[in-house]
């Protein structure tokens, strides 16, 4: 294994061990654990996508498609939460999201042939 990659993997392992020790002491709140789980799930999915892309040998196209599908799923989930009222539109982050979505819309619109 590449030494730089081995160092990164070891860093992730040590971080998870440190979190595990904190859980044992009861110092972590449930919300922090949920954030950790979400992050670890994302790492797992990205590793799977990287491995699939490497197996395809597609110069990263499979990884790009994976990232786009994840973004679609995430945005669709947010829409459903806003529509059914489980997510509030009053969060300050909603303004930032609108700004990013506007930029993304412009980028995607410019990427389409006329």
Foldseek 3Di string as FASTA:
>chain_A
DPPVVVVVVVVVVVVVVVVVVCVVVVNDDPVVVVVVVVVVVVVVQLVVQVVVCVVVVPVCPSVVVSVVVVVVVVVVVVVVCVVVVVDDCPDPCVVVVVVVVVVVVVVVVVVDDD
